[in-house]
Amino acid sequence: MGAGGGLPIALAEAGCSPADVDTVLLTHLHSDHVGWPAPQGKPYFPNATVLYGAQDWAALVEPVGRHDWTRIGLETVRSHGHLRALNGDVEIAPGVIERHAPGHTPGHYVVDITADDRRVVLLGDVLHTPAQLVDSNIRFISDSDPSLAMLTRQQWLRQVAGTDTIVAPAHFPGMQFFRVTAERAAEPVEAVTAG
């Protein structure tokens, strides 16, 4: 299992406070992807608009109890007017497109970033295990629609395999950024720098 929760430390090391963040992109609304509980009834990122796939609210947030920490956090952000639902593909900044990639959840999104003729794709939970690079038919237990998740996975693998696109799935321990070879194996990327 992968480790998580390091964003606050990484932000601090970069000299950035949560108040400096203006946009947060959630690939989907499973509890391991929505962030941190709201301190004293305030959003963790107090000045950020939080974007999520609209279809996930009814499927994942409404069914959980009112005291669920993820629901409390998301409703806190909503009560401050900072929660924005996405429908379809949306360009949220120049070169940053949120692409609807349903299957793992109904409102799952992939973040597609292009700058200076370079492309990085943050896949969220389109892939869960490196084994899916070789066999995209491998299913994951928490996929809400396993058949659609497989089709979405196959679509994204076709799109990136054998290209210079850097991919980043959420749950590959020790493999944060890599390229997918034409043979659909992971080729690690040592460093990704903005330029």
Foldseek 3Di string as FASTA:
>chain_A
DADDDCVCVVCVVVVHALQNEAEAEFQAQDPVGQHDAAPPLAARNNRYQYEWAPQRCVVPQVVDDPPPRSNSNQVSCVVSVRYDHDDAWDDPDVQWIWHQQAFLHNTGTWIWGDDPNAIEIEREVLDAELVCLQPLLDFDPSGPHGVSSSVSNVVVSVVFECDRYWYAYDHYHPQGIFGQYNNRHTHGDPDDDDD
